[in-house]
Amino acid sequence: MHEWALAEGVISTARKFAEENGLTKVTEVVVVIGELQQVEHDVLEFAFEQLKTKLFEEAKFVLKAEPAKFKCRNCGHEWTFKAQGLSEDISEAIHFVPEMAHVYIKCTECGSPDFEVSKGRGVWLATIKGEKDE
């Protein structure tokens, strides 16, 4: 389950940020997850709860999804992953082998397979909030 590894990475990075900024308590961590990552939000939330240390005992982990967006290199048209109407099997195949996207996804305007993914990849920390001892 890569969700556990993601949770460990997020907590590790947030801990480092807290230490570097003198935070003694983390109250909120906002994580943005690209749609193409196929992360199970429920599993990730559970992992956060299980991996919390004292620094995070009152922290709220907020997960925000970033929809995938594509831009055609041929005609410049932009469209979303949902507009493609792919089956769950194909969506999962693209998640595991991203290069497969060009086999299944075509520009919804001109039909070209030459596009770039402009949004919806990756996982990153958007914000970390906390408190300092006075």
N, C-alpha and C. Protein backbone atom coordinates (compact mmCIF):
# COMPACT_ATOMS: atom_id res chain seq x y z
N MET A 1 0.84 -1.19 0.00
CA MET A 1 0.00 0.00 0.00
C MET A 1 0.88 1.25 0.00
N HIS A 2 0.88 1.95 -1.11
CA HIS A 2 1.72 3.13 -1.18
C HIS A 2 1.16 4.28 -0.35
N GLU A 3 -0.10 4.20 0.09
CA GLU A 3 -0.67 5.23 0.94
C GLU A 3 0.10 5.35 2.26
N TRP A 4 0.54 4.20 2.81
CA TRP A 4 1.31 4.24 4.06
C TRP A 4 2.64 4.94 3.85
N ALA A 5 3.30 4.64 2.74
CA ALA A 5 4.57 5.30 2.43
C ALA A 5 4.36 6.80 2.24
N LEU A 6 3.27 7.17 1.58
CA LEU A 6 2.96 8.59 1.41
C LEU A 6 2.74 9.25 2.77
N ALA A 7 1.97 8.60 3.62
CA ALA A 7 1.71 9.16 4.96
C ALA A 7 3.01 9.34 5.74
N GLU A 8 3.88 8.35 5.69
CA GLU A 8 5.17 8.47 6.37
C GLU A 8 5.98 9.63 5.82
N GLY A 9 5.98 9.80 4.50
CA GLY A 9 6.71 10.89 3.87
C GLY A 9 6.15 12.25 4.25
N VAL A 10 4.83 12.37 4.26
CA VAL A 10 4.19 13.63 4.63
C VAL A 10 4.50 13.98 6.08
N ILE A 11 4.36 13.02 6.97
CA ILE A 11 4.63 13.28 8.39
C ILE A 11 6.10 13.62 8.60
N SER A 12 6.98 12.93 7.93
CA SER A 12 8.41 13.21 8.05
C SER A 12 8.73 14.63 7.58
N THR A 13 8.18 15.02 6.45
CA THR A 13 8.42 16.36 5.92
C THR A 13 7.79 17.42 6.82
N ALA A 14 6.59 17.18 7.30
CA ALA A 14 5.93 18.13 8.20
C ALA A 14 6.70 18.26 9.51
N ARG A 15 7.24 17.14 10.01
CA ARG A 15 8.04 17.19 11.24
C ARG A 15 9.29 18.04 11.04
N LYS A 16 9.95 17.86 9.91
CA LYS A 16 11.14 18.63 9.61
C LYS A 16 10.81 20.12 9.50
N PHE A 17 9.69 20.43 8.83
CA PHE A 17 9.26 21.82 8.71
C PHE A 17 8.99 22.41 10.10
N ALA A 18 8.30 21.64 10.94
CA ALA A 18 7.98 22.11 12.29
C ALA A 18 9.25 22.40 13.08
N GLU A 19 10.21 21.50 13.02
CA GLU A 19 11.48 21.69 13.73
C GLU A 19 12.22 22.93 13.23
N GLU A 20 12.26 23.10 11.91
CA GLU A 20 12.97 24.25 11.32
C GLU A 20 12.30 25.58 11.63
N ASN A 21 11.00 25.54 11.93
CA ASN A 21 10.25 26.77 12.17
C ASN A 21 9.82 26.93 13.62
N GLY A 22 10.35 26.11 14.52
CA GLY A 22 10.09 26.25 15.94
C GLY A 22 8.68 25.91 16.37
N LEU A 23 7.96 25.10 15.60
CA LEU A 23 6.61 24.71 15.99
C LEU A 23 6.69 23.59 17.01
N THR A 24 5.92 23.72 18.07
CA THR A 24 5.88 22.68 19.09
C THR A 24 4.62 21.81 18.96
N LYS A 25 3.69 22.27 18.13
CA LYS A 25 2.47 21.52 17.89
C LYS A 25 2.02 21.81 16.45
N VAL A 26 1.74 20.77 15.69
CA VAL A 26 1.19 20.93 14.35
C VAL A 26 -0.32 20.78 14.47
N THR A 27 -1.06 21.78 13.95
CA THR A 27 -2.52 21.75 14.07
C THR A 27 -3.23 21.38 12.78
N GLU A 28 -2.56 21.62 11.62
CA GLU A 28 -3.19 21.28 10.35
C GLU A 28 -2.13 21.05 9.28
N VAL A 29 -2.36 20.01 8.49
CA VAL A 29 -1.50 19.71 7.35
C VAL A 29 -2.44 19.52 6.15
N VAL A 30 -2.23 20.35 5.11
CA VAL A 30 -3.04 20.23 3.90
C VAL A 30 -2.19 19.56 2.84
N VAL A 31 -2.70 18.45 2.33
CA VAL A 31 -2.01 17.66 1.32
C VAL A 31 -2.82 17.69 0.03
N VAL A 32 -2.17 18.04 -1.08
CA VAL A 32 -2.83 18.05 -2.38
C VAL A 32 -2.41 16.78 -3.11
N ILE A 33 -3.41 16.08 -3.67
CA ILE A 33 -3.17 14.81 -4.34
C ILE A 33 -3.69 14.90 -5.77
N GLY A 34 -2.79 14.71 -6.71
CA GLY A 34 -3.19 14.72 -8.11
C GLY A 34 -4.10 13.54 -8.44
N GLU A 35 -5.10 13.79 -9.26
CA GLU A 35 -6.07 12.76 -9.63
C GLU A 35 -5.41 11.53 -10.26
N LEU A 36 -4.34 11.73 -11.00
CA LEU A 36 -3.69 10.60 -11.66
C LEU A 36 -2.92 9.70 -10.69
N GLN A 37 -2.77 10.12 -9.45
CA GLN A 37 -2.05 9.32 -8.46
C GLN A 37 -2.87 8.13 -7.97
N GLN A 38 -4.17 8.17 -8.12
CA GLN A 38 -5.04 7.07 -7.69
C GLN A 38 -4.81 6.69 -6.22
N VAL A 39 -4.71 7.69 -5.36
CA VAL A 39 -4.51 7.47 -3.93
C VAL A 39 -5.87 7.25 -3.27
N GLU A 40 -5.96 6.21 -2.47
CA GLU A 40 -7.18 5.94 -1.71
C GLU A 40 -7.18 6.87 -0.49
N HIS A 41 -8.04 7.89 -0.52
CA HIS A 41 -8.04 8.90 0.53
C HIS A 41 -8.36 8.30 1.90
N ASP A 42 -9.28 7.36 1.97
CA ASP A 42 -9.64 6.74 3.25
C ASP A 42 -8.44 6.02 3.86
N VAL A 43 -7.69 5.31 3.03
CA VAL A 43 -6.52 4.57 3.52
C VAL A 43 -5.45 5.55 3.98
N LEU A 44 -5.26 6.62 3.23
CA LEU A 44 -4.25 7.63 3.61
C LEU A 44 -4.64 8.31 4.92
N GLU A 45 -5.90 8.65 5.07
CA GLU A 45 -6.36 9.27 6.33
C GLU A 45 -6.15 8.33 7.51
N PHE A 46 -6.46 7.05 7.32
CA PHE A 46 -6.25 6.06 8.38
C PHE A 46 -4.77 5.97 8.73
N ALA A 47 -3.92 5.96 7.71
CA ALA A 47 -2.47 5.90 7.95
C ALA A 47 -1.99 7.11 8.75
N PHE A 48 -2.50 8.29 8.42
CA PHE A 48 -2.12 9.48 9.19
C PHE A 48 -2.48 9.31 10.67
N GLU A 49 -3.68 8.81 10.92
CA GLU A 49 -4.12 8.63 12.31
C GLU A 49 -3.24 7.62 13.05
N GLN A 50 -2.82 6.58 12.38
CA GLN A 50 -2.00 5.54 13.00
C GLN A 50 -0.55 5.99 13.22
N LEU A 51 -0.07 6.88 12.37
CA LEU A 51 1.34 7.29 12.42
C LEU A 51 1.59 8.58 13.21
N LYS A 52 0.53 9.17 13.75
CA LYS A 52 0.68 10.42 14.50
C LYS A 52 1.60 10.23 15.70
N THR A 53 2.44 11.22 15.91
CA THR A 53 3.27 11.28 17.11
C THR A 53 2.75 12.43 17.95
N LYS A 54 3.38 12.68 19.07
CA LYS A 54 2.93 13.74 19.98
C LYS A 54 2.83 15.09 19.27
N LEU A 55 3.76 15.39 18.39
CA LEU A 55 3.76 16.65 17.65
C LEU A 55 2.47 16.82 16.84
N PHE A 56 1.88 15.74 16.40
CA PHE A 56 0.69 15.77 15.53
C PHE A 56 -0.59 15.32 16.22
N GLU A 57 -0.57 15.14 17.55
CA GLU A 57 -1.73 14.53 18.21
C GLU A 57 -3.02 15.32 18.02
N GLU A 58 -2.95 16.63 17.82
CA GLU A 58 -4.16 17.43 17.58
C GLU A 58 -4.28 17.87 16.12
N ALA A 59 -3.41 17.38 15.27
CA ALA A 59 -3.38 17.82 13.87
C ALA A 59 -4.55 17.26 13.07
N LYS A 60 -5.04 18.11 12.20
CA LYS A 60 -6.06 17.72 11.23
C LYS A 60 -5.34 17.59 9.89
N PHE A 61 -5.48 16.44 9.25
CA PHE A 61 -4.90 16.22 7.93
C PHE A 61 -6.01 16.42 6.89
N VAL A 62 -5.85 17.43 6.06
CA VAL A 62 -6.84 17.78 5.06
C VAL A 62 -6.32 17.34 3.69
N LEU A 63 -7.11 16.53 3.00
CA LEU A 63 -6.72 16.05 1.68
C LEU A 63 -7.53 16.79 0.62
N LYS A 64 -6.82 17.38 -0.34
CA LYS A 64 -7.47 18.08 -1.44
C LYS A 64 -7.05 17.43 -2.75
N ALA A 65 -8.03 17.14 -3.58
CA ALA A 65 -7.74 16.51 -4.87
C ALA A 65 -7.53 17.60 -5.93
N GLU A 66 -6.51 17.39 -6.76
CA GLU A 66 -6.29 18.26 -7.90
C GLU A 66 -6.68 17.49 -9.16
N PRO A 67 -7.73 17.96 -9.85
CA PRO A 67 -8.15 17.26 -11.07
C PRO A 67 -7.04 17.26 -12.12
N ALA A 68 -6.98 16.16 -12.87
CA ALA A 68 -6.01 16.07 -13.96
C ALA A 68 -6.47 16.93 -15.13
N LYS A 69 -5.51 17.60 -15.73
CA LYS A 69 -5.81 18.43 -16.89
C LYS A 69 -4.74 18.20 -17.94
N PHE A 70 -5.17 18.13 -19.18
CA PHE A 70 -4.27 17.87 -20.30
C PHE A 70 -4.32 19.04 -21.28
N LYS A 71 -3.20 19.22 -22.00
CA LYS A 71 -3.15 20.25 -23.04
C LYS A 71 -2.55 19.63 -24.30
N CYS A 72 -3.31 19.75 -25.39
CA CYS A 72 -2.89 19.20 -26.67
C CYS A 72 -1.74 20.04 -27.25
N ARG A 73 -0.68 19.35 -27.64
CA ARG A 73 0.44 20.05 -28.27
C ARG A 73 0.15 20.38 -29.74
N ASN A 74 -0.85 19.74 -30.29
CA ASN A 74 -1.21 19.95 -31.70
C ASN A 74 -2.11 21.18 -31.88
N CYS A 75 -3.20 21.24 -31.11
CA CYS A 75 -4.17 22.33 -31.31
C CYS A 75 -4.29 23.28 -30.12
N GLY A 76 -3.67 22.93 -28.97
CA GLY A 76 -3.71 23.81 -27.80
C GLY A 76 -4.94 23.62 -26.92
N HIS A 77 -5.84 22.74 -27.30
CA HIS A 77 -7.06 22.49 -26.52
C HIS A 77 -6.70 21.90 -25.15
N GLU A 78 -7.45 22.30 -24.12
CA GLU A 78 -7.28 21.74 -22.77
C GLU A 78 -8.54 20.99 -22.38
N TRP A 79 -8.35 19.88 -21.67
CA TRP A 79 -9.49 19.09 -21.21
C TRP A 79 -9.11 18.36 -19.94
N THR A 80 -10.12 17.79 -19.28
CA THR A 80 -9.91 17.08 -18.02
C THR A 80 -9.91 15.57 -18.23
N PHE A 81 -9.41 14.88 -17.24
CA PHE A 81 -9.38 13.41 -17.27
C PHE A 81 -10.79 12.85 -17.34
N LYS A 82 -11.70 13.44 -16.58
CA LYS A 82 -13.08 12.95 -16.56
C LYS A 82 -13.74 13.10 -17.92
N ALA A 83 -13.38 14.14 -18.67
CA ALA A 83 -13.96 14.35 -20.00
C ALA A 83 -13.58 13.24 -20.96
N GLN A 84 -12.53 12.49 -20.62
CA GLN A 84 -12.06 11.42 -21.49
C GLN A 84 -12.98 10.21 -21.44
N GLY A 85 -13.68 10.01 -20.29
CA GLY A 85 -14.64 8.92 -20.17
C GLY A 85 -14.01 7.53 -20.21
N LEU A 86 -12.87 7.35 -19.56
CA LEU A 86 -12.17 6.06 -19.57
C LEU A 86 -12.75 5.11 -18.53
N SER A 87 -12.62 3.82 -18.79
CA SER A 87 -13.07 2.82 -17.83
C SER A 87 -12.13 2.81 -16.63
N GLU A 88 -12.58 2.20 -15.55
CA GLU A 88 -11.77 2.11 -14.33
C GLU A 88 -10.49 1.31 -14.58
N ASP A 89 -10.59 0.24 -15.39
CA ASP A 89 -9.41 -0.58 -15.70
C ASP A 89 -8.34 0.24 -16.43
N ILE A 90 -8.76 1.03 -17.41
CA ILE A 90 -7.81 1.85 -18.16
C ILE A 90 -7.23 2.94 -17.27
N SER A 91 -8.07 3.55 -16.45
CA SER A 91 -7.58 4.58 -15.51
C SER A 91 -6.51 4.00 -14.60
N GLU A 92 -6.74 2.79 -14.11
CA GLU A 92 -5.76 2.15 -13.23
C GLU A 92 -4.49 1.80 -13.97
N ALA A 93 -4.61 1.36 -15.21
CA ALA A 93 -3.42 1.05 -16.03
C ALA A 93 -2.57 2.29 -16.21
N ILE A 94 -3.21 3.43 -16.44
CA ILE A 94 -2.49 4.70 -16.61
C ILE A 94 -1.79 5.08 -15.31
N HIS A 95 -2.43 4.82 -14.19
CA HIS A 95 -1.81 5.11 -12.89
C HIS A 95 -0.51 4.32 -12.71
N PHE A 96 -0.54 3.03 -13.05
CA PHE A 96 0.64 2.19 -12.83
C PHE A 96 1.72 2.38 -13.88
N VAL A 97 1.31 2.70 -15.11
CA VAL A 97 2.28 2.93 -16.19
C VAL A 97 1.85 4.22 -16.90
N PRO A 98 2.28 5.38 -16.37
CA PRO A 98 1.83 6.67 -16.92
C PRO A 98 2.05 6.83 -18.42
N GLU A 99 3.08 6.16 -18.95
CA GLU A 99 3.34 6.27 -20.39
C GLU A 99 2.19 5.70 -21.21
N MET A 100 1.36 4.86 -20.60
CA MET A 100 0.21 4.27 -21.29
C MET A 100 -0.85 5.33 -21.61
N ALA A 101 -0.78 6.48 -20.96
CA ALA A 101 -1.79 7.52 -21.19
C ALA A 101 -1.90 7.86 -22.66
N HIS A 102 -0.78 7.90 -23.36
CA HIS A 102 -0.80 8.29 -24.77
C HIS A 102 -1.42 7.22 -25.68
N VAL A 103 -1.60 6.01 -25.15
CA VAL A 103 -2.27 4.97 -25.91
C VAL A 103 -3.78 5.15 -25.81
N TYR A 104 -4.27 5.53 -24.63
CA TYR A 104 -5.71 5.59 -24.37
C TYR A 104 -6.31 6.98 -24.46
N ILE A 105 -5.51 8.00 -24.19
CA ILE A 105 -6.03 9.36 -24.15
C ILE A 105 -5.67 10.09 -25.43
N LYS A 106 -6.67 10.75 -25.98
CA LYS A 106 -6.49 11.56 -27.18
C LYS A 106 -7.14 12.91 -26.92
N CYS A 107 -6.68 13.93 -27.62
CA CYS A 107 -7.28 15.25 -27.52
C CYS A 107 -8.77 15.14 -27.85
N THR A 108 -9.61 15.71 -27.00
CA THR A 108 -11.05 15.64 -27.22
C THR A 108 -11.50 16.58 -28.35
N GLU A 109 -10.59 17.42 -28.81
CA GLU A 109 -10.91 18.35 -29.90
C GLU A 109 -10.44 17.83 -31.26
N CYS A 110 -9.14 17.48 -31.36
CA CYS A 110 -8.59 17.08 -32.68
C CYS A 110 -8.20 15.60 -32.77
N GLY A 111 -8.23 14.87 -31.64
CA GLY A 111 -7.92 13.45 -31.66
C GLY A 111 -6.44 13.10 -31.59
N SER A 112 -5.59 14.09 -31.41
CA SER A 112 -4.15 13.85 -31.36
C SER A 112 -3.74 13.18 -30.04
N PRO A 113 -2.80 12.22 -30.09
CA PRO A 113 -2.28 11.63 -28.86
C PRO A 113 -1.09 12.42 -28.30
N ASP A 114 -0.77 13.55 -28.92
CA ASP A 114 0.37 14.36 -28.49
C ASP A 114 -0.11 15.45 -27.54
N PHE A 115 0.01 15.18 -26.23
CA PHE A 115 -0.46 16.12 -25.21
C PHE A 115 0.49 16.11 -24.03
N GLU A 116 0.32 17.08 -23.18
CA GLU A 116 1.08 17.12 -21.92
C GLU A 116 0.10 17.12 -20.76
N VAL A 117 0.54 16.58 -19.65
CA VAL A 117 -0.25 16.61 -18.43
C VAL A 117 0.11 17.92 -17.72
N SER A 118 -0.85 18.85 -17.66
CA SER A 118 -0.55 20.15 -17.06
C SER A 118 -0.92 20.21 -15.58
N LYS A 119 -1.80 19.33 -15.13
CA LYS A 119 -2.18 19.27 -13.70
C LYS A 119 -2.60 17.86 -13.37
N GLY A 120 -2.56 17.55 -12.06
CA GLY A 120 -3.11 16.28 -11.61
C GLY A 120 -2.11 15.17 -11.36
N ARG A 121 -0.82 15.51 -11.33
CA ARG A 121 0.20 14.51 -11.01
C ARG A 121 0.84 14.91 -9.68
N GLY A 122 1.27 13.93 -8.95
CA GLY A 122 2.03 14.19 -7.74
C GLY A 122 1.21 14.34 -6.48
N VAL A 123 1.95 14.40 -5.38
CA VAL A 123 1.39 14.61 -4.04
C VAL A 123 2.32 15.61 -3.38
N TRP A 124 1.76 16.66 -2.78
CA TRP A 124 2.62 17.64 -2.12
C TRP A 124 1.91 18.29 -0.94
N LEU A 125 2.72 18.84 -0.06
CA LEU A 125 2.21 19.56 1.10
C LEU A 125 1.90 20.98 0.67
N ALA A 126 0.65 21.39 0.84
CA ALA A 126 0.26 22.76 0.47
C ALA A 126 0.50 23.71 1.62
N THR A 127 0.07 23.32 2.83
CA THR A 127 0.27 24.17 4.00
C THR A 127 0.48 23.30 5.25
N ILE A 128 1.21 23.88 6.18
CA ILE A 128 1.39 23.29 7.49
C ILE A 128 1.17 24.40 8.51
N LYS A 129 0.23 24.19 9.41
CA LYS A 129 -0.04 25.18 10.45
C LYS A 129 0.29 24.59 11.81
N GLY A 130 0.72 25.45 12.70
CA GLY A 130 1.06 24.96 14.02
C GLY A 130 1.20 26.08 15.03
N GLU A 131 1.67 25.70 16.21
CA GLU A 131 1.83 26.66 17.31
C GLU A 131 3.24 26.56 17.86
N LYS A 132 3.69 27.68 18.41
CA LYS A 132 4.99 27.76 19.05
C LYS A 132 4.79 27.99 20.53
N ASP A 133 5.69 27.45 21.35
CA ASP A 133 5.65 27.77 22.78
C ASP A 133 6.09 29.20 22.95
N GLU A 134 5.44 29.88 23.88
CA GLU A 134 5.81 31.28 24.10
C GLU A 134 6.75 31.44 25.24
